[in-house]
Amino acid sequence: MPLLAPYVLIYVSLIFIFSALLMWLWNITITKIFNIRDITYWEAFRLMIIAWLIFGKGLELTISFIISLL
């Protein structure tokens, strides 16, 4: 069980990093195209959860790919 802890930490860290990346990409792209307001970090986090619920295992595949590189 102790070997699982680093992977859980990496998984949680990647979720927060991807949320920040999504927020940044949204704010530099979508706001300029559609002339809407910037989103916050937690709104980006919720968008990631919604996308995960709709599209399934996208985040899991990304994380498993990153772990396979280690």
Foldseek 3Di string as FASTA:
>chain_A
DVVCVVLVVVLVVVLLVVLVVQQVVCQVPVCVVPVDDRDDSVVSSVVVVVCCVVVPCPSVVVSVVVVVVD
